[in-house]
Amino acid sequence: QVQLVESGGGLVQAGGSLRLSCAASGRTSSDYAMGWFRQAPGQEREFVAAISWSGSTYYEYSVEGRFTISRDNAKNTAYLQMNSLKPEDTAVYYCAVSAVPGTSDDPSEYSYWGQGTQVTVSS
């Protein structure tokens, strides 16, 4: 089993920044991708960003240029730096560990999920 714990969410004004962290523990495999997804009220969970074990990244188009995903493999931790936040970025943000080493925007390829952290952007 793999446990994921997110932190760093909160309330911020539009144009502000937040940095989310996701710490993985337990039986992590030797290499795996990590991803961030988000879910707004009444909407389906959507892909935000992913990073492979080697550091390749992939972003959803609406966040590219504003969000940056990174990871520290020694700490089994992934980060999501969110800049120029907009009210439409408001959602619960989830991190996830993929069963494959490459990046993916398909939630079905992620085996483990965190509990989520709320991000609220006020206008």
C-alpha atoms as a PDB file:
ATOM      1  CA  GLN A   1       0.000   0.000   0.000  1.00  0.00           C
ATOM      2  CA  VAL A   2       1.039   3.555  -0.695  1.00  0.00           C
ATOM      3  CA  GLN A   3      -0.134   6.478   1.394  1.00  0.00           C
ATOM      4  CA  LEU A   4      -0.270   9.988  -0.019  1.00  0.00           C
ATOM      5  CA  VAL A   5      -0.627  13.109   2.091  1.00  0.00           C
ATOM      6  CA  GLU A   6      -1.268  16.468   0.451  1.00  0.00           C
ATOM      7  CA  SER A   7      -0.704  19.831   2.063  1.00  0.00           C
ATOM      8  CA  GLY A   8      -0.502  23.493   1.129  1.00  0.00           C
ATOM      9  CA  GLY A   9      -4.038  24.287   0.109  1.00  0.00           C
ATOM     10  CA  GLY A  10      -5.877  27.364   1.306  1.00  0.00           C
ATOM     11  CA  LEU A  11      -7.611  30.594   0.393  1.00  0.00           C
ATOM     12  CA  VAL A  12      -5.867  33.057  -1.904  1.00  0.00           C
ATOM     13  CA  GLN A  13      -6.887  36.069  -3.929  1.00  0.00           C
ATOM     14  CA  ALA A  14      -6.884  35.966  -7.706  1.00  0.00           C
ATOM     15  CA  GLY A  15      -3.390  36.493  -9.030  1.00  0.00           C
ATOM     16  CA  GLY A  16      -1.826  34.940  -5.967  1.00  0.00           C
ATOM     17  CA  SER A  17       0.218  31.777  -5.536  1.00  0.00           C
ATOM     18  CA  LEU A  18       0.099  28.540  -3.603  1.00  0.00           C
ATOM     19  CA  ARG A  19       2.426  25.569  -3.406  1.00  0.00           C
ATOM     20  CA  LEU A  20       0.967  22.115  -2.877  1.00  0.00           C
ATOM     21  CA  SER A  21       3.008  19.203  -1.583  1.00  0.00           C
ATOM     22  CA  CYS A  22       2.327  15.472  -1.784  1.00  0.00           C
ATOM     23  CA  ALA A  23       4.363  13.072   0.323  1.00  0.00           C
ATOM     24  CA  ALA A  24       4.262   9.380  -0.576  1.00  0.00           C
ATOM     25  CA  SER A  25       5.057   6.613   1.894  1.00  0.00           C
ATOM     26  CA  GLY A  26       4.715   2.864   2.042  1.00  0.00           C
ATOM     27  CA  ARG A  27       5.483   0.362  -0.664  1.00  0.00           C
ATOM     28  CA  THR A  28       6.360   2.657  -3.535  1.00  0.00           C
ATOM     29  CA  SER A  29       7.794   0.985  -6.607  1.00  0.00           C
ATOM     30  CA  SER A  30      11.222   1.770  -7.965  1.00  0.00           C
ATOM     31  CA  ASP A  31       9.892   4.248 -10.483  1.00  0.00           C
ATOM     32  CA  TYR A  32       6.495   5.795 -10.884  1.00  0.00           C
ATOM     33  CA  ALA A  33       4.863   8.904 -12.198  1.00  0.00           C
ATOM     34  CA  MET A  34       2.980  11.304  -9.966  1.00  0.00           C
ATOM     35  CA  GLY A  35       0.092  13.449 -10.956  1.00  0.00           C
ATOM     36  CA  TRP A  36      -2.200  16.179  -9.747  1.00  0.00           C
ATOM     37  CA  PHE A  37      -5.924  16.234 -10.456  1.00  0.00           C
ATOM     38  CA  ARG A  38      -8.665  18.558  -9.268  1.00  0.00           C
ATOM     39  CA  GLN A  39     -12.398  18.412  -8.773  1.00  0.00           C
ATOM     40  CA  ALA A  40     -14.678  21.398  -8.483  1.00  0.00           C
ATOM     41  CA  PRO A  41     -18.186  21.087  -6.995  1.00  0.00           C
ATOM     42  CA  GLY A  42     -20.565  19.402  -9.393  1.00  0.00           C
ATOM     43  CA  GLN A  43     -17.822  18.638 -11.883  1.00  0.00           C
ATOM     44  CA  GLU A  44     -15.804  15.574 -12.770  1.00  0.00           C
ATOM     45  CA  ARG A  45     -12.239  15.111 -11.618  1.00  0.00           C
ATOM     46  CA  GLU A  46      -9.877  16.574 -14.184  1.00  0.00           C
ATOM     47  CA  PHE A  47      -6.203  16.247 -14.917  1.00  0.00           C
ATOM     48  CA  VAL A  48      -3.895  19.110 -13.959  1.00  0.00           C
ATOM     49  CA  ALA A  49      -0.282  17.973 -14.328  1.00  0.00           C
ATOM     50  CA  ALA A  50       1.955  14.919 -14.179  1.00  0.00           C
ATOM     51  CA  ILE A  51       5.650  14.215 -13.802  1.00  0.00           C
ATOM     52  CA  SER A  52       7.527  11.041 -14.628  1.00  0.00           C
ATOM     53  CA  TRP A  53      10.194   9.451 -12.474  1.00  0.00           C
ATOM     54  CA  SER A  54      12.850  11.010 -14.716  1.00  0.00           C
ATOM     55  CA  GLY A  55      11.279  14.463 -14.552  1.00  0.00           C
ATOM     56  CA  SER A  56       9.336  14.719 -17.786  1.00  0.00           C
ATOM     57  CA  THR A  57       6.259  16.874 -17.306  1.00  0.00           C
ATOM     58  CA  TYR A  58       2.831  17.174 -18.879  1.00  0.00           C
ATOM     59  CA  TYR A  59       0.206  19.867 -18.219  1.00  0.00           C
ATOM     60  CA  GLU A  60      -3.430  20.471 -18.911  1.00  0.00           C
ATOM     61  CA  TYR A  61      -3.574  23.396 -21.336  1.00  0.00           C
ATOM     62  CA  SER A  62      -5.369  25.828 -19.019  1.00  0.00           C
ATOM     63  CA  VAL A  63      -2.623  25.650 -16.383  1.00  0.00           C
ATOM     64  CA  GLU A  64       0.433  25.472 -18.618  1.00  0.00           C
ATOM     65  CA  GLY A  65       2.647  28.488 -18.001  1.00  0.00           C
ATOM     66  CA  ARG A  66       1.041  29.157 -14.609  1.00  0.00           C
ATOM     67  CA  PHE A  67       1.562  25.873 -12.754  1.00  0.00           C
ATOM     68  CA  THR A  68       4.806  23.953 -12.323  1.00  0.00           C
ATOM     69  CA  ILE A  69       5.011  20.351 -11.189  1.00  0.00           C
ATOM     70  CA  SER A  70       8.229  19.031  -9.671  1.00  0.00           C
ATOM     71  CA  ARG A  71       9.388  16.163  -7.497  1.00  0.00           C
ATOM     72  CA  ASP A  72      12.101  15.168  -5.070  1.00  0.00           C
ATOM     73  CA  ASN A  73      12.640  11.435  -5.540  1.00  0.00           C
ATOM     74  CA  ALA A  74      14.810  11.162  -2.423  1.00  0.00           C
ATOM     75  CA  LYS A  75      11.860  12.404  -0.372  1.00  0.00           C
ATOM     76  CA  ASN A  76       9.144  10.665  -2.434  1.00  0.00           C
ATOM     77  CA  THR A  77       7.455  14.043  -2.646  1.00  0.00           C
ATOM     78  CA  ALA A  78       5.817  15.916  -5.489  1.00  0.00           C
ATOM     79  CA  TYR A  79       5.016  19.603  -5.609  1.00  0.00           C
ATOM     80  CA  LEU A  80       2.641  21.803  -7.552  1.00  0.00           C
ATOM     81  CA  GLN A  81       3.588  25.467  -7.670  1.00  0.00           C
ATOM     82  CA  MET A  82       0.519  27.445  -8.708  1.00  0.00           C
ATOM     83  CA  ASN A  83       0.975  31.050  -9.814  1.00  0.00           C
ATOM     84  CA  SER A  84      -1.419  33.606 -11.298  1.00  0.00           C
ATOM     85  CA  LEU A  85      -4.326  31.757  -9.744  1.00  0.00           C
ATOM     86  CA  LYS A  86      -7.812  32.346 -11.093  1.00  0.00           C
ATOM     87  CA  PRO A  87     -11.228  31.799  -9.470  1.00  0.00           C
ATOM     88  CA  GLU A  88     -11.803  28.922 -11.903  1.00  0.00           C
ATOM     89  CA  ASP A  89      -8.844  27.117 -10.318  1.00  0.00           C
ATOM     90  CA  THR A  90     -10.957  26.657  -7.180  1.00  0.00           C
ATOM     91  CA  ALA A  91     -11.268  22.934  -6.468  1.00  0.00           C
ATOM     92  CA  VAL A  92     -10.137  20.092  -4.281  1.00  0.00           C
ATOM     93  CA  TYR A  93      -6.696  19.084  -5.527  1.00  0.00           C
ATOM     94  CA  TYR A  94      -5.645  15.440  -5.378  1.00  0.00           C
ATOM     95  CA  CYS A  95      -2.255  13.897  -5.922  1.00  0.00           C
ATOM     96  CA  ALA A  96      -1.887  10.403  -7.244  1.00  0.00           C
ATOM     97  CA  VAL A  97       0.759   7.781  -7.940  1.00  0.00           C
ATOM     98  CA  SER A  98       0.730   6.058 -11.289  1.00  0.00           C
ATOM     99  CA  ALA A  99       1.291   2.375 -11.926  1.00  0.00           C
ATOM    100  CA  VAL A 100       3.464   3.274 -14.902  1.00  0.00           C
ATOM    101  CA  PRO A 101       6.623   5.396 -15.047  1.00  0.00           C
ATOM    102  CA  GLY A 102       5.484   7.728 -17.801  1.00  0.00           C
ATOM    103  CA  THR A 103       3.159  10.698 -17.528  1.00  0.00           C
ATOM    104  CA  SER A 104      -0.544  10.265 -18.135  1.00  0.00           C
ATOM    105  CA  ASP A 105      -3.708  12.346 -17.931  1.00  0.00           C
ATOM    106  CA  ASP A 106      -5.872   9.235 -17.509  1.00  0.00           C
ATOM    107  CA  PRO A 107      -6.980   8.828 -13.882  1.00  0.00           C
ATOM    108  CA  SER A 108      -7.494   5.092 -14.423  1.00  0.00           C
ATOM    109  CA  GLU A 109      -3.719   4.703 -14.726  1.00  0.00           C
ATOM    110  CA  TYR A 110      -3.193   5.997 -11.198  1.00  0.00           C
ATOM    111  CA  SER A 111      -3.269   3.400  -8.453  1.00  0.00           C
ATOM    112  CA  TYR A 112      -3.156   5.478  -5.286  1.00  0.00           C
ATOM    113  CA  TRP A 113      -4.780   8.764  -4.358  1.00  0.00           C
ATOM    114  CA  GLY A 114      -4.436  11.275  -1.565  1.00  0.00           C
ATOM    115  CA  GLN A 115      -7.327  12.652   0.455  1.00  0.00           C
ATOM    116  CA  GLY A 116      -7.292  16.004  -1.321  1.00  0.00           C
ATOM    117  CA  THR A 117      -6.595  19.567  -0.281  1.00  0.00           C
ATOM    118  CA  GLN A 118      -8.941  22.498  -0.869  1.00  0.00           C
ATOM    119  CA  VAL A 119      -7.786  25.432  -2.968  1.00  0.00           C
ATOM    120  CA  THR A 120     -10.069  28.459  -3.046  1.00  0.00           C
ATOM    121  CA  VAL A 121      -9.313  31.488  -5.199  1.00  0.00           C
ATOM    122  CA  SER A 122     -11.365  34.582  -4.497  1.00  0.00           C
ATOM    123  CA  SER A 123     -12.058  37.216  -7.134  1.00  0.00           C
END
